[in-house]
N, C-alpha and C. Protein backbone atom coordinates (compact mmCIF):
# COMPACT_ATOMS: atom_id res chain seq x y z
N MET A 1 39.93 64.89 22.16
CA MET A 1 40.21 63.89 21.13
C MET A 1 41.13 64.48 20.06
N LYS A 2 41.85 63.61 19.41
CA LYS A 2 42.73 63.99 18.31
C LYS A 2 42.03 63.59 17.01
N ILE A 3 41.64 64.59 16.22
CA ILE A 3 40.78 64.34 15.07
C ILE A 3 41.41 64.87 13.78
N LEU A 4 41.51 64.01 12.80
CA LEU A 4 42.01 64.39 11.48
C LEU A 4 40.83 64.81 10.61
N VAL A 5 40.96 65.95 9.90
CA VAL A 5 39.89 66.41 9.02
C VAL A 5 40.41 66.55 7.59
N ALA A 6 39.87 65.75 6.70
CA ALA A 6 40.17 65.87 5.27
C ALA A 6 39.10 66.74 4.65
N GLY A 7 39.51 67.80 3.95
CA GLY A 7 38.55 68.75 3.40
C GLY A 7 38.32 69.91 4.35
N SER A 8 39.32 70.23 5.16
CA SER A 8 39.18 71.25 6.20
C SER A 8 39.05 72.67 5.64
N HIS A 9 39.34 72.88 4.36
CA HIS A 9 39.23 74.21 3.77
C HIS A 9 37.88 74.43 3.09
N GLY A 10 37.07 73.39 3.00
CA GLY A 10 35.75 73.50 2.38
C GLY A 10 34.74 74.10 3.35
N LEU A 11 33.54 74.31 2.87
CA LEU A 11 32.48 74.94 3.67
C LEU A 11 32.19 74.15 4.94
N ILE A 12 31.92 72.86 4.81
CA ILE A 12 31.60 72.04 5.98
C ILE A 12 32.85 71.77 6.81
N GLY A 13 33.95 71.46 6.14
CA GLY A 13 35.19 71.13 6.84
C GLY A 13 35.71 72.27 7.69
N HIS A 14 35.65 73.49 7.16
CA HIS A 14 36.14 74.66 7.90
C HIS A 14 35.29 74.91 9.15
N ALA A 15 33.96 74.85 8.97
CA ALA A 15 33.06 75.07 10.11
C ALA A 15 33.23 73.97 11.16
N THR A 16 33.41 72.73 10.70
CA THR A 16 33.59 71.60 11.61
C THR A 16 34.89 71.76 12.40
N THR A 17 35.95 72.14 11.70
CA THR A 17 37.26 72.33 12.34
C THR A 17 37.17 73.40 13.43
N GLU A 18 36.54 74.54 13.12
CA GLU A 18 36.41 75.62 14.10
C GLU A 18 35.61 75.18 15.32
N ARG A 19 34.50 74.47 15.06
CA ARG A 19 33.64 74.03 16.18
C ARG A 19 34.35 73.02 17.06
N LEU A 20 35.05 72.07 16.46
CA LEU A 20 35.76 71.08 17.26
C LEU A 20 36.84 71.72 18.12
N ARG A 21 37.52 72.71 17.58
CA ARG A 21 38.55 73.41 18.36
C ARG A 21 37.92 74.20 19.51
N GLU A 22 36.76 74.78 19.26
CA GLU A 22 36.04 75.49 20.33
C GLU A 22 35.69 74.54 21.47
N LEU A 23 35.43 73.28 21.13
CA LEU A 23 35.07 72.28 22.13
C LEU A 23 36.29 71.66 22.81
N GLY A 24 37.48 72.12 22.42
CA GLY A 24 38.70 71.67 23.08
C GLY A 24 39.40 70.49 22.45
N HIS A 25 38.97 70.06 21.27
CA HIS A 25 39.62 68.93 20.60
C HIS A 25 40.85 69.41 19.82
N THR A 26 41.76 68.50 19.59
CA THR A 26 42.92 68.77 18.75
C THR A 26 42.56 68.37 17.33
N VAL A 27 42.54 69.34 16.42
CA VAL A 27 42.16 69.07 15.03
C VAL A 27 43.40 69.17 14.15
N ILE A 28 43.59 68.14 13.33
CA ILE A 28 44.73 68.09 12.41
C ILE A 28 44.19 68.09 10.99
N PRO A 29 44.36 69.20 10.25
CA PRO A 29 43.91 69.23 8.86
C PRO A 29 44.80 68.36 7.97
N LEU A 30 44.17 67.60 7.09
CA LEU A 30 44.88 66.82 6.07
C LEU A 30 44.85 67.67 4.81
N VAL A 31 46.00 68.18 4.38
CA VAL A 31 46.02 69.19 3.32
C VAL A 31 46.80 68.75 2.09
N ARG A 32 46.36 69.28 0.93
CA ARG A 32 47.03 69.02 -0.33
C ARG A 32 47.91 70.20 -0.69
N SER A 33 48.85 70.51 0.16
CA SER A 33 49.70 71.68 -0.04
C SER A 33 51.16 71.28 0.04
N ALA A 34 51.96 71.94 -0.78
CA ALA A 34 53.41 71.67 -0.73
C ALA A 34 53.99 72.27 0.55
N ALA A 35 53.35 73.34 1.04
CA ALA A 35 53.81 73.99 2.26
C ALA A 35 52.91 73.59 3.41
N VAL A 36 53.23 72.47 4.04
CA VAL A 36 52.43 71.97 5.15
C VAL A 36 52.83 72.71 6.42
N LEU A 37 51.85 73.33 7.07
CA LEU A 37 52.10 74.09 8.28
C LEU A 37 52.16 73.17 9.49
N GLU A 38 52.69 73.70 10.58
CA GLU A 38 52.76 72.92 11.81
C GLU A 38 51.35 72.56 12.25
N GLY A 39 51.16 71.32 12.62
CA GLY A 39 49.84 70.86 13.03
C GLY A 39 49.01 70.31 11.89
N GLU A 40 49.56 70.31 10.67
CA GLU A 40 48.87 69.75 9.52
C GLU A 40 49.59 68.49 9.05
N ILE A 41 48.88 67.69 8.27
CA ILE A 41 49.49 66.52 7.63
C ILE A 41 49.28 66.67 6.13
N GLY A 42 50.33 66.47 5.37
CA GLY A 42 50.25 66.61 3.93
C GLY A 42 49.92 65.30 3.24
N TRP A 43 49.24 65.41 2.10
CA TRP A 43 48.98 64.22 1.30
C TRP A 43 48.72 64.62 -0.14
N ASN A 44 48.80 63.64 -1.02
CA ASN A 44 48.42 63.83 -2.42
C ASN A 44 47.37 62.77 -2.73
N PRO A 45 46.10 63.19 -2.86
CA PRO A 45 45.03 62.21 -3.08
C PRO A 45 44.79 61.84 -4.54
N ARG A 46 45.66 62.33 -5.45
CA ARG A 46 45.49 61.99 -6.86
C ARG A 46 45.91 60.54 -7.08
N PRO A 47 45.07 59.76 -7.74
CA PRO A 47 45.34 58.32 -7.90
C PRO A 47 46.73 58.01 -8.47
N SER A 48 47.18 58.81 -9.41
CA SER A 48 48.47 58.53 -10.05
C SER A 48 49.66 58.93 -9.19
N ARG A 49 49.42 59.77 -8.18
CA ARG A 49 50.53 60.25 -7.34
C ARG A 49 50.21 60.14 -5.86
N ALA A 50 49.45 59.14 -5.49
CA ALA A 50 48.99 58.99 -4.11
C ALA A 50 50.16 58.96 -3.12
N ALA A 51 50.06 59.80 -2.11
CA ALA A 51 51.08 59.84 -1.06
C ALA A 51 50.45 60.40 0.20
N ILE A 52 50.88 59.88 1.35
CA ILE A 52 50.33 60.35 2.62
C ILE A 52 51.34 60.04 3.72
N ASP A 53 51.42 60.90 4.72
CA ASP A 53 52.38 60.75 5.82
C ASP A 53 51.78 59.84 6.89
N LEU A 54 52.05 58.55 6.79
CA LEU A 54 51.48 57.57 7.71
C LEU A 54 51.94 57.78 9.15
N ALA A 55 53.23 58.06 9.32
CA ALA A 55 53.77 58.20 10.68
C ALA A 55 53.06 59.31 11.45
N ALA A 56 52.74 60.40 10.74
CA ALA A 56 52.08 61.53 11.40
C ALA A 56 50.63 61.23 11.77
N MET A 57 50.07 60.16 11.20
CA MET A 57 48.67 59.83 11.43
C MET A 57 48.46 58.88 12.61
N GLU A 58 49.53 58.40 13.20
CA GLU A 58 49.38 57.50 14.35
C GLU A 58 48.80 58.26 15.55
N GLY A 59 47.96 57.58 16.29
CA GLY A 59 47.42 58.16 17.51
C GLY A 59 46.14 58.95 17.33
N LEU A 60 45.50 58.83 16.17
CA LEU A 60 44.24 59.54 15.93
C LEU A 60 43.09 58.83 16.65
N ASP A 61 42.16 59.63 17.16
CA ASP A 61 40.95 59.06 17.74
C ASP A 61 39.84 58.93 16.71
N ALA A 62 39.80 59.89 15.78
CA ALA A 62 38.74 59.89 14.76
C ALA A 62 39.22 60.60 13.51
N VAL A 63 38.55 60.29 12.40
CA VAL A 63 38.84 60.95 11.11
C VAL A 63 37.52 61.42 10.53
N ILE A 64 37.51 62.66 10.05
CA ILE A 64 36.34 63.22 9.37
C ILE A 64 36.74 63.51 7.93
N ASN A 65 36.06 62.89 6.99
CA ASN A 65 36.39 63.02 5.58
C ASN A 65 35.26 63.76 4.86
N VAL A 66 35.45 65.05 4.63
CA VAL A 66 34.42 65.86 3.95
C VAL A 66 35.01 66.58 2.74
N GLY A 67 36.05 66.01 2.16
CA GLY A 67 36.69 66.61 1.00
C GLY A 67 35.94 66.32 -0.28
N GLY A 68 36.25 67.08 -1.31
CA GLY A 68 35.65 66.85 -2.62
C GLY A 68 35.44 68.15 -3.37
N VAL A 69 35.68 68.12 -4.66
CA VAL A 69 35.45 69.28 -5.53
C VAL A 69 33.97 69.64 -5.48
N SER A 70 33.66 70.94 -5.46
CA SER A 70 32.27 71.40 -5.38
C SER A 70 31.45 70.90 -6.56
N ILE A 71 30.26 70.39 -6.25
CA ILE A 71 29.36 69.85 -7.27
C ILE A 71 28.83 70.94 -8.20
N GLY A 72 28.54 72.13 -7.64
CA GLY A 72 27.83 73.13 -8.41
C GLY A 72 28.64 74.27 -8.99
N GLU A 73 29.95 74.19 -8.94
CA GLU A 73 30.76 75.33 -9.40
C GLU A 73 30.91 75.42 -10.91
N LYS A 74 30.90 74.29 -11.59
CA LYS A 74 31.17 74.29 -13.03
C LYS A 74 30.19 73.40 -13.77
N ARG A 75 30.16 73.56 -15.08
CA ARG A 75 29.34 72.68 -15.93
C ARG A 75 29.88 71.26 -15.84
N TRP A 76 28.97 70.31 -15.97
CA TRP A 76 29.36 68.91 -15.84
C TRP A 76 29.89 68.35 -17.16
N THR A 77 31.06 68.83 -17.54
CA THR A 77 31.74 68.25 -18.69
C THR A 77 32.30 66.90 -18.25
N MET A 78 32.74 66.10 -19.19
CA MET A 78 33.34 64.82 -18.85
C MET A 78 34.57 65.02 -17.97
N ARG A 79 35.33 66.09 -18.24
CA ARG A 79 36.53 66.37 -17.45
C ARG A 79 36.16 66.72 -16.01
N HIS A 80 35.10 67.54 -15.85
CA HIS A 80 34.71 67.94 -14.49
C HIS A 80 34.11 66.75 -13.74
N LYS A 81 33.38 65.91 -14.44
CA LYS A 81 32.84 64.70 -13.79
C LYS A 81 33.97 63.82 -13.27
N ARG A 82 35.05 63.74 -14.02
CA ARG A 82 36.21 62.96 -13.59
C ARG A 82 36.82 63.56 -12.32
N ARG A 83 36.86 64.90 -12.26
CA ARG A 83 37.37 65.58 -11.07
C ARG A 83 36.47 65.30 -9.86
N LEU A 84 35.18 65.36 -10.07
CA LEU A 84 34.23 65.06 -8.99
C LEU A 84 34.43 63.63 -8.48
N TRP A 85 34.60 62.71 -9.43
CA TRP A 85 34.79 61.30 -9.10
C TRP A 85 36.07 61.07 -8.32
N ASP A 86 37.17 61.57 -8.86
CA ASP A 86 38.47 61.35 -8.21
C ASP A 86 38.57 62.03 -6.85
N SER A 87 37.98 63.24 -6.73
CA SER A 87 38.10 63.98 -5.48
C SER A 87 37.28 63.36 -4.35
N ARG A 88 36.42 62.43 -4.68
CA ARG A 88 35.63 61.75 -3.66
C ARG A 88 36.01 60.28 -3.54
N ILE A 89 35.91 59.57 -4.64
CA ILE A 89 36.09 58.11 -4.59
C ILE A 89 37.56 57.73 -4.45
N ALA A 90 38.39 58.26 -5.34
CA ALA A 90 39.81 57.91 -5.29
C ALA A 90 40.44 58.39 -3.98
N SER A 91 40.11 59.61 -3.56
CA SER A 91 40.72 60.15 -2.34
C SER A 91 40.26 59.38 -1.10
N THR A 92 38.99 58.98 -1.06
CA THR A 92 38.50 58.21 0.09
C THR A 92 39.17 56.83 0.13
N GLU A 93 39.34 56.23 -1.03
CA GLU A 93 40.03 54.94 -1.10
C GLU A 93 41.46 55.05 -0.57
N ILE A 94 42.15 56.12 -0.96
CA ILE A 94 43.54 56.34 -0.51
C ILE A 94 43.58 56.58 1.00
N LEU A 95 42.65 57.40 1.48
CA LEU A 95 42.61 57.72 2.91
C LEU A 95 42.32 56.47 3.75
N VAL A 96 41.31 55.71 3.36
CA VAL A 96 40.95 54.49 4.11
C VAL A 96 42.11 53.48 4.05
N GLY A 97 42.73 53.35 2.90
CA GLY A 97 43.88 52.45 2.78
C GLY A 97 44.99 52.83 3.74
N ALA A 98 45.21 54.14 3.91
CA ALA A 98 46.24 54.61 4.84
C ALA A 98 45.85 54.31 6.28
N LEU A 99 44.59 54.51 6.63
CA LEU A 99 44.13 54.26 8.00
C LEU A 99 44.31 52.79 8.38
N LEU A 100 44.10 51.91 7.42
CA LEU A 100 44.21 50.48 7.70
C LEU A 100 45.66 50.02 7.84
N GLN A 101 46.59 50.87 7.42
CA GLN A 101 48.01 50.54 7.57
C GLN A 101 48.58 50.99 8.91
N LEU A 102 47.83 51.79 9.65
CA LEU A 102 48.32 52.30 10.92
C LEU A 102 48.40 51.21 11.97
N GLN A 103 49.36 51.34 12.85
CA GLN A 103 49.50 50.37 13.94
C GLN A 103 48.31 50.50 14.89
N PHE A 104 47.88 51.76 15.12
CA PHE A 104 46.73 52.02 15.97
C PHE A 104 45.74 52.88 15.19
N PRO A 105 44.90 52.27 14.37
CA PRO A 105 43.94 53.04 13.57
C PRO A 105 42.89 53.72 14.45
N PRO A 106 42.29 54.80 13.96
CA PRO A 106 41.24 55.48 14.73
C PRO A 106 40.03 54.57 14.91
N LYS A 107 39.24 54.85 15.93
CA LYS A 107 38.06 54.04 16.20
C LYS A 107 36.87 54.45 15.34
N VAL A 108 36.88 55.70 14.85
CA VAL A 108 35.73 56.23 14.12
C VAL A 108 36.16 56.93 12.83
N LEU A 109 35.41 56.67 11.76
CA LEU A 109 35.58 57.39 10.50
C LEU A 109 34.22 57.97 10.12
N ILE A 110 34.15 59.30 10.05
CA ILE A 110 32.94 59.97 9.57
C ILE A 110 33.23 60.41 8.14
N SER A 111 32.44 59.91 7.20
CA SER A 111 32.73 60.17 5.79
C SER A 111 31.51 60.75 5.08
N ALA A 112 31.73 61.79 4.32
CA ALA A 112 30.64 62.47 3.63
C ALA A 112 30.09 61.65 2.47
N SER A 113 28.83 61.88 2.21
CA SER A 113 28.16 61.42 1.01
C SER A 113 27.11 62.49 0.72
N ALA A 114 26.06 62.17 -0.01
CA ALA A 114 25.05 63.19 -0.32
C ALA A 114 23.72 62.54 -0.63
N VAL A 115 22.65 63.34 -0.58
CA VAL A 115 21.32 62.83 -0.90
C VAL A 115 21.21 62.48 -2.38
N GLY A 116 22.21 62.86 -3.16
CA GLY A 116 22.25 62.44 -4.55
C GLY A 116 22.25 60.92 -4.68
N TYR A 117 22.59 60.23 -3.59
CA TYR A 117 22.58 58.77 -3.52
C TYR A 117 21.23 58.20 -3.99
N TYR A 118 20.14 58.91 -3.68
CA TYR A 118 18.80 58.40 -3.95
C TYR A 118 18.32 58.69 -5.37
N GLY A 119 19.01 59.57 -6.08
CA GLY A 119 18.58 59.92 -7.43
C GLY A 119 17.28 60.71 -7.41
N ASP A 120 16.71 60.92 -8.58
CA ASP A 120 15.46 61.67 -8.70
C ASP A 120 14.29 60.70 -8.53
N ARG A 121 13.59 60.78 -7.39
CA ARG A 121 12.53 59.82 -7.07
C ARG A 121 11.16 60.49 -6.94
N GLY A 122 11.07 61.76 -7.34
CA GLY A 122 9.78 62.44 -7.30
C GLY A 122 9.20 62.54 -5.91
N ASP A 123 7.95 62.11 -5.74
CA ASP A 123 7.24 62.23 -4.46
C ASP A 123 7.52 61.09 -3.49
N GLU A 124 8.37 60.15 -3.86
CA GLU A 124 8.64 59.01 -2.99
C GLU A 124 9.30 59.47 -1.69
N VAL A 125 8.80 58.98 -0.56
CA VAL A 125 9.40 59.29 0.73
C VAL A 125 10.63 58.39 0.91
N LEU A 126 11.77 59.01 1.18
CA LEU A 126 13.02 58.26 1.26
C LEU A 126 13.58 58.28 2.67
N THR A 127 14.17 57.17 3.07
CA THR A 127 14.82 57.05 4.38
C THR A 127 16.22 56.49 4.17
N GLU A 128 16.93 56.32 5.26
CA GLU A 128 18.28 55.76 5.17
C GLU A 128 18.28 54.34 4.64
N GLU A 129 17.15 53.67 4.75
CA GLU A 129 17.05 52.29 4.27
C GLU A 129 16.69 52.20 2.79
N SER A 130 16.35 53.32 2.17
CA SER A 130 15.95 53.32 0.76
C SER A 130 17.13 52.95 -0.12
N SER A 131 16.85 52.33 -1.25
CA SER A 131 17.89 51.90 -2.17
C SER A 131 18.49 53.09 -2.92
N ALA A 132 19.62 52.86 -3.52
CA ALA A 132 20.26 53.90 -4.33
C ALA A 132 19.46 54.13 -5.60
N GLY A 133 19.53 55.34 -6.12
CA GLY A 133 18.82 55.68 -7.36
C GLY A 133 19.70 55.46 -8.57
N ALA A 134 19.32 56.11 -9.66
CA ALA A 134 20.07 55.99 -10.92
C ALA A 134 20.61 57.35 -11.31
N GLY A 135 21.60 57.33 -12.18
CA GLY A 135 22.18 58.57 -12.67
C GLY A 135 23.58 58.81 -12.13
N PHE A 136 24.24 59.84 -12.63
CA PHE A 136 25.64 60.10 -12.27
C PHE A 136 25.82 60.33 -10.78
N LEU A 137 25.00 61.21 -10.19
CA LEU A 137 25.16 61.52 -8.76
C LEU A 137 24.92 60.29 -7.89
N ALA A 138 23.91 59.53 -8.22
CA ALA A 138 23.62 58.32 -7.43
C ALA A 138 24.78 57.34 -7.50
N GLU A 139 25.31 57.15 -8.69
CA GLU A 139 26.44 56.23 -8.86
C GLU A 139 27.68 56.76 -8.14
N LEU A 140 27.90 58.07 -8.20
CA LEU A 140 29.02 58.70 -7.51
C LEU A 140 28.93 58.44 -6.00
N CYS A 141 27.76 58.71 -5.43
CA CYS A 141 27.58 58.53 -3.98
C CYS A 141 27.69 57.07 -3.57
N LYS A 142 27.13 56.19 -4.40
CA LYS A 142 27.18 54.75 -4.10
C LYS A 142 28.62 54.27 -4.02
N ARG A 143 29.41 54.65 -5.01
CA ARG A 143 30.82 54.24 -5.02
C ARG A 143 31.61 54.92 -3.90
N TRP A 144 31.28 56.17 -3.63
CA TRP A 144 31.93 56.94 -2.56
C TRP A 144 31.75 56.23 -1.22
N GLU A 145 30.53 55.83 -0.95
CA GLU A 145 30.24 55.12 0.30
C GLU A 145 30.92 53.76 0.33
N ALA A 146 30.97 53.10 -0.80
CA ALA A 146 31.57 51.77 -0.87
C ALA A 146 33.06 51.79 -0.51
N MET A 147 33.71 52.94 -0.71
CA MET A 147 35.14 53.04 -0.42
C MET A 147 35.45 52.95 1.07
N THR A 148 34.43 53.05 1.93
CA THR A 148 34.67 52.95 3.38
C THR A 148 34.40 51.54 3.91
N ALA A 149 33.96 50.63 3.03
CA ALA A 149 33.58 49.28 3.47
C ALA A 149 34.73 48.55 4.15
N SER A 150 35.94 48.70 3.64
CA SER A 150 37.07 47.97 4.22
C SER A 150 37.38 48.46 5.63
N ALA A 151 37.12 49.74 5.91
CA ALA A 151 37.32 50.26 7.27
C ALA A 151 36.31 49.64 8.21
N SER A 152 35.08 49.53 7.76
CA SER A 152 34.03 48.91 8.57
C SER A 152 34.34 47.44 8.83
N GLU A 153 34.81 46.75 7.81
CA GLU A 153 35.15 45.34 7.94
C GLU A 153 36.32 45.12 8.91
N ALA A 154 37.18 46.14 9.02
CA ALA A 154 38.32 46.05 9.93
C ALA A 154 37.96 46.41 11.37
N GLY A 155 36.68 46.72 11.60
CA GLY A 155 36.23 47.01 12.96
C GLY A 155 36.10 48.48 13.30
N MET A 156 36.36 49.34 12.34
CA MET A 156 36.21 50.77 12.59
C MET A 156 34.74 51.15 12.50
N ARG A 157 34.28 52.04 13.36
CA ARG A 157 32.90 52.53 13.25
C ARG A 157 32.88 53.56 12.12
N VAL A 158 32.06 53.30 11.11
CA VAL A 158 31.96 54.20 9.96
C VAL A 158 30.59 54.88 9.96
N VAL A 159 30.61 56.20 9.94
CA VAL A 159 29.38 56.99 9.89
C VAL A 159 29.34 57.72 8.56
N THR A 160 28.28 57.50 7.79
CA THR A 160 28.16 58.13 6.47
C THR A 160 27.11 59.24 6.55
N ILE A 161 27.47 60.43 6.10
CA ILE A 161 26.57 61.58 6.15
C ILE A 161 26.04 61.88 4.76
N ARG A 162 24.76 61.60 4.54
CA ARG A 162 24.14 61.93 3.25
C ARG A 162 23.46 63.29 3.37
N SER A 163 24.22 64.34 3.19
CA SER A 163 23.68 65.68 3.37
C SER A 163 23.07 66.22 2.08
N GLY A 164 22.21 67.20 2.25
CA GLY A 164 21.66 67.93 1.11
C GLY A 164 22.52 69.14 0.82
N ILE A 165 22.00 70.07 0.04
CA ILE A 165 22.73 71.31 -0.23
C ILE A 165 22.89 72.07 1.08
N VAL A 166 24.10 72.54 1.34
CA VAL A 166 24.37 73.26 2.59
C VAL A 166 24.22 74.76 2.35
N LEU A 167 23.32 75.38 3.12
CA LEU A 167 23.09 76.81 3.00
C LEU A 167 23.81 77.54 4.13
N ALA A 168 24.60 78.55 3.76
CA ALA A 168 25.33 79.35 4.74
C ALA A 168 25.41 80.78 4.22
N GLU A 169 25.23 81.73 5.10
CA GLU A 169 25.22 83.14 4.70
C GLU A 169 26.55 83.54 4.05
N GLY A 170 26.47 84.03 2.83
CA GLY A 170 27.66 84.52 2.13
C GLY A 170 28.61 83.44 1.66
N LYS A 171 28.18 82.16 1.70
CA LYS A 171 29.06 81.06 1.30
C LYS A 171 28.30 80.06 0.44
N GLY A 172 29.04 79.18 -0.22
CA GLY A 172 28.42 78.11 -0.99
C GLY A 172 27.45 78.61 -2.04
N ILE A 173 26.36 77.88 -2.22
CA ILE A 173 25.40 78.19 -3.28
C ILE A 173 24.73 79.55 -3.09
N LEU A 174 24.54 79.97 -1.83
CA LEU A 174 23.92 81.28 -1.59
C LEU A 174 24.81 82.42 -2.05
N SER A 175 26.13 82.24 -1.95
CA SER A 175 27.04 83.30 -2.40
C SER A 175 26.98 83.46 -3.92
N GLN A 176 26.58 82.40 -4.63
CA GLN A 176 26.45 82.47 -6.09
C GLN A 176 25.08 83.03 -6.50
N GLN A 177 24.05 82.72 -5.73
CA GLN A 177 22.69 83.12 -6.11
C GLN A 177 22.29 84.50 -5.62
N THR A 178 22.73 84.88 -4.43
CA THR A 178 22.30 86.15 -3.83
C THR A 178 22.58 87.37 -4.70
N PRO A 179 23.78 87.51 -5.29
CA PRO A 179 24.02 88.70 -6.12
C PRO A 179 23.04 88.82 -7.28
N LEU A 180 22.62 87.71 -7.87
CA LEU A 180 21.66 87.75 -8.97
C LEU A 180 20.31 88.28 -8.51
N PHE A 181 19.86 87.82 -7.35
CA PHE A 181 18.57 88.28 -6.82
C PHE A 181 18.64 89.76 -6.44
N ARG A 182 19.79 90.21 -5.94
CA ARG A 182 19.93 91.63 -5.59
C ARG A 182 19.86 92.53 -6.82
N LEU A 183 20.23 91.96 -7.98
CA LEU A 183 20.15 92.71 -9.23
C LEU A 183 18.83 92.44 -9.96
N CYS A 184 17.90 91.78 -9.26
CA CYS A 184 16.59 91.42 -9.84
C CYS A 184 16.73 90.49 -11.05
N LEU A 185 17.79 89.68 -11.05
CA LEU A 185 18.02 88.73 -12.14
C LEU A 185 17.78 87.28 -11.69
N GLY A 186 17.42 87.10 -10.43
CA GLY A 186 17.20 85.74 -9.91
C GLY A 186 15.88 85.18 -10.39
N GLY A 187 15.79 83.90 -10.40
CA GLY A 187 14.56 83.23 -10.83
C GLY A 187 14.62 81.77 -10.51
N ARG A 188 13.55 81.07 -10.82
CA ARG A 188 13.53 79.65 -10.54
C ARG A 188 14.49 78.90 -11.46
N LEU A 189 14.96 77.77 -10.99
CA LEU A 189 15.85 76.92 -11.78
C LEU A 189 15.00 75.84 -12.45
N GLY A 190 15.16 75.69 -13.74
CA GLY A 190 14.39 74.68 -14.46
C GLY A 190 12.90 74.94 -14.35
N SER A 191 12.13 73.89 -14.09
CA SER A 191 10.68 74.03 -13.99
C SER A 191 10.25 74.68 -12.68
N GLY A 192 11.11 74.64 -11.67
CA GLY A 192 10.75 75.16 -10.36
C GLY A 192 9.95 74.16 -9.55
N GLN A 193 9.67 72.99 -10.10
CA GLN A 193 8.86 71.98 -9.42
C GLN A 193 9.70 70.89 -8.77
N GLN A 194 11.01 70.91 -8.99
CA GLN A 194 11.86 69.85 -8.45
C GLN A 194 12.12 70.06 -6.96
N TYR A 195 12.33 68.96 -6.25
CA TYR A 195 12.65 69.01 -4.83
C TYR A 195 14.11 69.42 -4.67
N VAL A 196 14.38 70.23 -3.64
CA VAL A 196 15.76 70.60 -3.30
C VAL A 196 15.95 70.31 -1.82
N SER A 197 16.70 69.28 -1.51
CA SER A 197 16.98 68.92 -0.11
C SER A 197 18.12 69.79 0.39
N TRP A 198 17.92 70.44 1.53
CA TRP A 198 18.96 71.33 2.03
C TRP A 198 19.06 71.24 3.55
N ILE A 199 20.21 71.66 4.06
CA ILE A 199 20.42 71.82 5.49
C ILE A 199 21.12 73.15 5.68
N SER A 200 20.98 73.76 6.85
CA SER A 200 21.72 74.97 7.13
C SER A 200 23.07 74.57 7.73
N LEU A 201 24.03 75.44 7.59
CA LEU A 201 25.35 75.13 8.15
C LEU A 201 25.27 74.95 9.65
């Protein structure tokens, strides 16, 4: 299959790209670089400067959208919240809009979301059918998922992945926490009583 991956340099995107290539698929990274390498497609997902190479996107079988600024790298200032919002919602809207302009759009769109969709619900057991919660993360995920609605309405199969924190050796959140524990400076976060939903890479 010919698969486009948005967010191919991130933790999940990089691992997904490597695995798909191992399985014999043709993977085309969608990159935000001025120097686009052979086999890549360039784009600018910023709302004010949106641009994407439509011609290069023809003939795709599937698209995997796992891009987005890391949630846990910086303090949640208003500026960083805007970056989180734009890197997910605005970019997904631009990507889906481009797919719908193709003469032969892909049959499948796999698009990331997160368990933040459910908000803080304490001991409540949550499933895919549970409603969205409240708060910034819940609103972010809700809007993020809504950006794929037009693809679904156009007949594309849309798969939404509500993942938890991704744990990987030497990467992501573990790469930030492990050095502290090795120096005996690690400890619980907040009260230590909150739930942390996670998956391994």
